[in-house]
PDB file of N, CA and C in Angstrom:
ATOM      1  N   MET A   1       0.848  -1.174   0.000  1.00  0.00           N
ATOM      2  CA  MET A   1       0.000   0.000   0.000  1.00  0.00           C
ATOM      3  C   MET A   1       0.893   1.236   0.000  1.00  0.00           C
ATOM      4  N   PRO A   2       0.758   2.120  -0.995  1.00  0.00           N
ATOM      5  CA  PRO A   2       1.571   3.328  -1.059  1.00  0.00           C
ATOM      6  C   PRO A   2       1.193   4.315   0.052  1.00  0.00           C
ATOM      7  N   LEU A   3       2.202   4.899   0.681  1.00  0.00           N
ATOM      8  CA  LEU A   3       1.967   5.859   1.760  1.00  0.00           C
ATOM      9  C   LEU A   3       2.550   7.221   1.401  1.00  0.00           C
ATOM     10  N   GLN A   4       1.865   8.270   1.882  1.00  0.00           N
ATOM     11  CA  GLN A   4       2.418   9.619   1.799  1.00  0.00           C
ATOM     12  C   GLN A   4       3.559   9.706   2.805  1.00  0.00           C
ATOM     13  N   ARG A   5       4.707  10.161   2.388  1.00  0.00           N
ATOM     14  CA  ARG A   5       5.860  10.230   3.296  1.00  0.00           C
ATOM     15  C   ARG A   5       5.627  11.220   4.434  1.00  0.00           C
ATOM     16  N   ALA A   6       5.101  12.376   4.128  1.00  0.00           N
ATOM     17  CA  ALA A   6       4.954  13.434   5.135  1.00  0.00           C
ATOM     18  C   ALA A   6       3.977  13.061   6.236  1.00  0.00           C
ATOM     19  N   THR A   7       2.904  12.345   5.871  1.00  0.00           N
ATOM     20  CA  THR A   7       1.859  12.042   6.853  1.00  0.00           C
ATOM     21  C   THR A   7       1.778  10.564   7.214  1.00  0.00           C
ATOM     22  N   ASN A   8       2.484   9.716   6.470  1.00  0.00           N
ATOM     23  CA  ASN A   8       2.439   8.271   6.673  1.00  0.00           C
ATOM     24  C   ASN A   8       1.015   7.729   6.531  1.00  0.00           C
ATOM     25  N   THR A   9       0.253   8.322   5.619  1.00  0.00           N
ATOM     26  CA  THR A   9      -1.110   7.875   5.353  1.00  0.00           C
ATOM     27  C   THR A   9      -1.207   7.327   3.931  1.00  0.00           C
ATOM     28  N   GLU A  10      -2.202   6.516   3.696  1.00  0.00           N
ATOM     29  CA  GLU A  10      -2.425   5.868   2.413  1.00  0.00           C
ATOM     30  C   GLU A  10      -2.750   6.917   1.357  1.00  0.00           C
ATOM     31  N   THR A  11      -2.291   6.703   0.128  1.00  0.00           N
ATOM     32  CA  THR A  11      -2.441   7.703  -0.928  1.00  0.00           C
ATOM     33  C   THR A  11      -3.748   7.605  -1.709  1.00  0.00           C
ATOM     34  N   ALA A  12      -4.554   6.607  -1.448  1.00  0.00           N
ATOM     35  CA  ALA A  12      -5.820   6.369  -2.155  1.00  0.00           C
ATOM     36  C   ALA A  12      -5.588   5.848  -3.563  1.00  0.00           C
ATOM     37  N   ASN A  13      -4.402   5.398  -3.864  1.00  0.00           N
ATOM     38  CA  ASN A  13      -4.112   4.823  -5.176  1.00  0.00           C
ATOM     39  C   ASN A  13      -4.241   3.305  -5.186  1.00  0.00           C
ATOM     40  N   SER A  14      -4.496   2.728  -4.045  1.00  0.00           N
ATOM     41  CA  SER A  14      -4.615   1.279  -3.947  1.00  0.00           C
ATOM     42  C   SER A  14      -5.965   0.830  -4.506  1.00  0.00           C
ATOM     43  N   ARG A  15      -5.965  -0.309  -5.181  1.00  0.00           N
ATOM     44  CA  ARG A  15      -7.218  -0.875  -5.681  1.00  0.00           C
ATOM     45  C   ARG A  15      -7.878  -1.781  -4.638  1.00  0.00           C
ATOM     46  N   ASP A  16      -7.181  -2.018  -3.532  1.00  0.00           N
ATOM     47  CA  ASP A  16      -7.755  -2.830  -2.457  1.00  0.00           C
ATOM     48  C   ASP A  16      -8.866  -2.054  -1.757  1.00  0.00           C
ATOM     49  N   PRO A  17      -9.887  -2.760  -1.284  1.00  0.00           N
ATOM     50  CA  PRO A  17     -10.931  -2.065  -0.527  1.00  0.00           C
ATOM     51  C   PRO A  17     -10.326  -1.449   0.734  1.00  0.00           C
ATOM     52  N   GLN A  18     -10.898  -0.341   1.155  1.00  0.00           N
ATOM     53  CA  GLN A  18     -10.394   0.344   2.334  1.00  0.00           C
ATOM     54  C   GLN A  18     -11.539   0.661   3.279  1.00  0.00           C
ATOM     55  N   LEU A  19     -11.322   0.355   4.542  1.00  0.00           N
ATOM     56  CA  LEU A  19     -12.309   0.617   5.580  1.00  0.00           C
ATOM     57  C   LEU A  19     -11.549   0.963   6.849  1.00  0.00           C
ATOM     58  N   TYR A  20     -11.837   2.127   7.391  1.00  0.00           N
ATOM     59  CA  TYR A  20     -11.156   2.580   8.597  1.00  0.00           C
ATOM     60  C   TYR A  20     -12.178   2.992   9.635  1.00  0.00           C
ATOM     61  N   ASN A  21     -11.868   2.763  10.892  1.00  0.00           N
ATOM     62  CA  ASN A  21     -12.705   3.234  11.983  1.00  0.00           C
ATOM     63  C   ASN A  21     -12.097   4.547  12.464  1.00  0.00           C
ATOM     64  N   LEU A  22     -12.660   5.648  12.004  1.00  0.00           N
ATOM     65  CA  LEU A  22     -12.079   6.953  12.288  1.00  0.00           C
ATOM     66  C   LEU A  22     -12.260   7.386  13.735  1.00  0.00           C
ATOM     67  N   ASP A  23     -13.121   6.688  14.487  1.00  0.00           N
ATOM     68  CA  ASP A  23     -13.219   6.974  15.922  1.00  0.00           C
ATOM     69  C   ASP A  23     -11.928   6.587  16.634  1.00  0.00           C
ATOM     70  N   TYR A  24     -11.267   5.546  16.139  1.00  0.00           N
ATOM     71  CA  TYR A  24     -10.065   5.018  16.797  1.00  0.00           C
ATOM     72  C   TYR A  24      -8.802   5.142  15.956  1.00  0.00           C
ATOM     73  N   ASP A  25      -8.945   5.461  14.687  1.00  0.00           N
ATOM     74  CA  ASP A  25      -7.795   5.451  13.777  1.00  0.00           C
ATOM     75  C   ASP A  25      -7.881   6.631  12.821  1.00  0.00           C
ATOM     76  N   ILE A  26      -7.795   7.832  13.365  1.00  0.00           N
ATOM     77  CA  ILE A  26      -7.960   9.038  12.553  1.00  0.00           C
ATOM     78  C   ILE A  26      -6.877   9.147  11.484  1.00  0.00           C
ATOM     79  N   GLY A  27      -5.727   8.546  11.711  1.00  0.00           N
ATOM     80  CA  GLY A  27      -4.651   8.582  10.735  1.00  0.00           C
ATOM     81  C   GLY A  27      -4.761   7.530   9.656  1.00  0.00           C
ATOM     82  N   GLN A  28      -5.820   6.737   9.691  1.00  0.00           N
ATOM     83  CA  GLN A  28      -6.085   5.687   8.700  1.00  0.00           C
ATOM     84  C   GLN A  28      -4.881   4.774   8.510  1.00  0.00           C
ATOM     85  N   GLN A  29      -4.417   4.212   9.589  1.00  0.00           N
ATOM     86  CA  GLN A  29      -3.274   3.309   9.575  1.00  0.00           C
ATOM     87  C   GLN A  29      -3.680   1.842   9.481  1.00  0.00           C
ATOM     88  N   ARG A  30      -4.883   1.499   9.984  1.00  0.00           N
ATOM     89  CA  ARG A  30      -5.318   0.103  10.017  1.00  0.00           C
ATOM     90  C   ARG A  30      -6.518  -0.115   9.112  1.00  0.00           C
ATOM     91  N   ASN A  31      -6.271  -0.727   7.990  1.00  0.00           N
ATOM     92  CA  ASN A  31      -7.337  -1.028   7.044  1.00  0.00           C
ATOM     93  C   ASN A  31      -8.101  -2.251   7.548  1.00  0.00           C
ATOM     94  N   LEU A  32      -9.376  -2.075   7.831  1.00  0.00           N
ATOM     95  CA  LEU A  32     -10.207  -3.132   8.397  1.00  0.00           C
ATOM     96  C   LEU A  32     -11.062  -3.839   7.350  1.00  0.00           C
ATOM     97  N   ALA A  33     -10.847  -3.557   6.092  1.00  0.00           N
ATOM     98  CA  ALA A  33     -11.709  -4.084   5.028  1.00  0.00           C
ATOM     99  C   ALA A  33     -11.766  -5.608   5.009  1.00  0.00           C
ATOM    100  N   TYR A  34     -10.659  -6.266   5.225  1.00  0.00           N
ATOM    101  CA  TYR A  34     -10.659  -7.726   5.157  1.00  0.00           C
ATOM    102  C   TYR A  34     -11.212  -8.363   6.426  1.00  0.00           C
ATOM    103  N   ARG A  35     -11.242  -7.611   7.486  1.00  0.00           N
ATOM    104  CA  ARG A  35     -11.829  -8.107   8.736  1.00  0.00           C
ATOM    105  C   ARG A  35     -13.356  -7.981   8.709  1.00  0.00           C
ATOM    106  N   TYR A  36     -13.871  -7.009   7.943  1.00  0.00           N
ATOM    107  CA  TYR A  36     -15.307  -6.745   7.882  1.00  0.00           C
ATOM    108  C   TYR A  36     -15.788  -6.712   6.431  1.00  0.00           C
ATOM    109  N   PRO A  37     -15.708  -7.834   5.721  1.00  0.00           N
ATOM    110  CA  PRO A  37     -16.067  -7.831   4.293  1.00  0.00           C
ATOM    111  C   PRO A  37     -17.539  -7.516   4.030  1.00  0.00           C
ATOM    112  N   LYS A  38     -18.432  -7.882   4.932  1.00  0.00           N
ATOM    113  CA  LYS A  38     -19.850  -7.585   4.715  1.00  0.00           C
ATOM    114  C   LYS A  38     -20.099  -6.077   4.715  1.00  0.00           C
ATOM    115  N   ILE A  39     -19.457  -5.362   5.613  1.00  0.00           N
ATOM    116  CA  ILE A  39     -19.612  -3.907   5.639  1.00  0.00           C
ATOM    117  C   ILE A  39     -19.088  -3.311   4.344  1.00  0.00           C
ATOM    118  N   VAL A  40     -17.960  -3.801   3.867  1.00  0.00           N
ATOM    119  CA  VAL A  40     -17.398  -3.309   2.605  1.00  0.00           C
ATOM    120  C   VAL A  40     -18.377  -3.568   1.462  1.00  0.00           C
ATOM    121  N   ARG A  41     -18.946  -4.773   1.396  1.00  0.00           N
ATOM    122  CA  ARG A  41     -19.913  -5.093   0.345  1.00  0.00           C
ATOM    123  C   ARG A  41     -21.154  -4.204   0.440  1.00  0.00           C
ATOM    124  N   ASP A  42     -21.682  -4.030   1.654  1.00  0.00           N
ATOM    125  CA  ASP A  42     -22.876  -3.200   1.839  1.00  0.00           C
ATOM    126  C   ASP A  42     -22.614  -1.751   1.438  1.00  0.00           C
ATOM    127  N   MET A  43     -21.458  -1.242   1.809  1.00  0.00           N
ATOM    128  CA  MET A  43     -21.128   0.136   1.455  1.00  0.00           C
ATOM    129  C   MET A  43     -20.923   0.279  -0.054  1.00  0.00           C
ATOM    130  N   ALA A  44     -20.262  -0.683  -0.677  1.00  0.00           N
ATOM    131  CA  ALA A  44     -20.053  -0.636  -2.128  1.00  0.00           C
ATOM    132  C   ALA A  44     -21.395  -0.687  -2.862  1.00  0.00           C
ATOM    133  N   LYS A  45     -22.306  -1.508  -2.366  1.00  0.00           N
ATOM    134  CA  LYS A  45     -23.640  -1.600  -2.971  1.00  0.00           C
ATOM    135  C   LYS A  45     -24.354  -0.256  -2.873  1.00  0.00           C
ATOM    136  N   ARG A  46     -24.274   0.379  -1.712  1.00  0.00           N
ATOM    137  CA  ARG A  46     -24.936   1.675  -1.530  1.00  0.00           C
ATOM    138  C   ARG A  46     -24.311   2.740  -2.430  1.00  0.00           C
ATOM    139  N   ILE A  47     -23.004   2.719  -2.586  1.00  0.00           N
ATOM    140  CA  ILE A  47     -22.333   3.677  -3.467  1.00  0.00           C
ATOM    141  C   ILE A  47     -22.825   3.501  -4.897  1.00  0.00           C
ATOM    142  N   GLU A  48     -22.964   2.254  -5.347  1.00  0.00           N
ATOM    143  CA  GLU A  48     -23.472   2.002  -6.698  1.00  0.00           C
ATOM    144  C   GLU A  48     -24.903   2.498  -6.847  1.00  0.00           C
ATOM    145  N   GLU A  49     -25.728   2.309  -5.826  1.00  0.00           N
ATOM    146  CA  GLU A  49     -27.105   2.817  -5.872  1.00  0.00           C
ATOM    147  C   GLU A  49     -27.106   4.331  -6.041  1.00  0.00           C
ATOM    148  N   ILE A  50     -26.257   5.003  -5.297  1.00  0.00           N
ATOM    149  CA  ILE A  50     -26.179   6.462  -5.380  1.00  0.00           C
ATOM    150  C   ILE A  50     -25.690   6.884  -6.759  1.00  0.00           C
ATOM    151  N   LYS A  51     -24.692   6.195  -7.274  1.00  0.00           N
ATOM    152  CA  LYS A  51     -24.168   6.527  -8.607  1.00  0.00           C
ATOM    153  C   LYS A  51     -25.226   6.329  -9.688  1.00  0.00           C
ATOM    154  N   GLN A  52     -26.146   5.396  -9.493  1.00  0.00           N
ATOM    155  CA  GLN A  52     -27.212   5.147 -10.458  1.00  0.00           C
ATOM    156  C   GLN A  52     -28.367   6.141 -10.294  1.00  0.00           C
ATOM    157  N   GLY A  53     -28.241   7.066  -9.356  1.00  0.00           N
ATOM    158  CA  GLY A  53     -29.277   8.078  -9.172  1.00  0.00           C
ATOM    159  C   GLY A  53     -30.236   7.786  -8.047  1.00  0.00           C
ATOM    160  N   ASN A  54     -30.042   6.711  -7.343  1.00  0.00           N
ATOM    161  CA  ASN A  54     -30.918   6.368  -6.232  1.00  0.00           C
ATOM    162  C   ASN A  54     -30.434   7.072  -4.967  1.00  0.00           C
ATOM    163  N   VAL A  55     -30.521   8.393  -5.010  1.00  0.00           N
ATOM    164  CA  VAL A  55     -30.111   9.200  -3.869  1.00  0.00           C
ATOM    165  C   VAL A  55     -31.360   9.484  -3.065  1.00  0.00           C
ATOM    166  N   THR A  56     -31.469   8.844  -1.943  1.00  0.00           N
ATOM    167  CA  THR A  56     -32.653   9.000  -1.102  1.00  0.00           C
ATOM    168  C   THR A  56     -32.226   9.456   0.280  1.00  0.00           C
ATOM    169  N   GLU A  57     -33.184   9.584   1.114  1.00  0.00           N
ATOM    170  CA  GLU A  57     -32.917   9.923   2.507  1.00  0.00           C
ATOM    171  C   GLU A  57     -32.485   8.697   3.289  1.00  0.00           C
ATOM    172  N   LYS A  58     -32.348   7.585   2.580  1.00  0.00           N
ATOM    173  CA  LYS A  58     -31.922   6.342   3.223  1.00  0.00           C
ATOM    174  C   LYS A  58     -30.569   6.566   3.889  1.00  0.00           C
ATOM    175  N   THR A  59     -30.556   6.471   5.183  1.00  0.00           N
ATOM    176  CA  THR A  59     -29.325   6.634   5.929  1.00  0.00           C
ATOM    177  C   THR A  59     -29.073   5.355   6.690  1.00  0.00           C
ATOM    178  N   GLU A  60     -27.922   4.802   6.467  1.00  0.00           N
ATOM    179  CA  GLU A  60     -27.583   3.557   7.108  1.00  0.00           C
ATOM    180  C   GLU A  60     -26.252   3.741   7.814  1.00  0.00           C
ATOM    181  N   GLU A  61     -26.212   3.332   9.062  1.00  0.00           N
ATOM    182  CA  GLU A  61     -24.951   3.401   9.776  1.00  0.00           C
ATOM    183  C   GLU A  61     -24.199   2.094   9.571  1.00  0.00           C
ATOM    184  N   PHE A  62     -22.936   2.220   9.289  1.00  0.00           N
ATOM    185  CA  PHE A  62     -22.070   1.068   9.160  1.00  0.00           C
ATOM    186  C   PHE A  62     -21.153   1.065  10.366  1.00  0.00           C
ATOM    187  N   ARG A  63     -21.578   0.402  11.416  1.00  0.00           N
ATOM    188  CA  ARG A  63     -20.830   0.391  12.665  1.00  0.00           C
ATOM    189  C   ARG A  63     -19.964  -0.844  12.771  1.00  0.00           C
ATOM    190  N   LEU A  64     -18.730  -0.630  13.179  1.00  0.00           N
ATOM    191  CA  LEU A  64     -17.818  -1.750  13.413  1.00  0.00           C
ATOM    192  C   LEU A  64     -17.947  -2.251  14.836  1.00  0.00           C
ATOM    193  N   PHE A  65     -18.160  -1.321  15.766  1.00  0.00           N
ATOM    194  CA  PHE A  65     -18.209  -1.686  17.182  1.00  0.00           C
ATOM    195  C   PHE A  65     -19.466  -1.170  17.820  1.00  0.00           C
TER     196      PHE A  65
END
């Protein structure tokens, strides 16, 4: 995973899924995507819905803990 030297954070150039718990990891050092694949799938599905124009008031929390 490529990192920014100055901040030691991920550059967003990775094709791997990325999921971070910003309550505990504001620096985005621990990618939790492989630990929580269902959340990644659910979020990806919602992003596709939004991209297709299905922008609703549907609000879903994706909680890890």
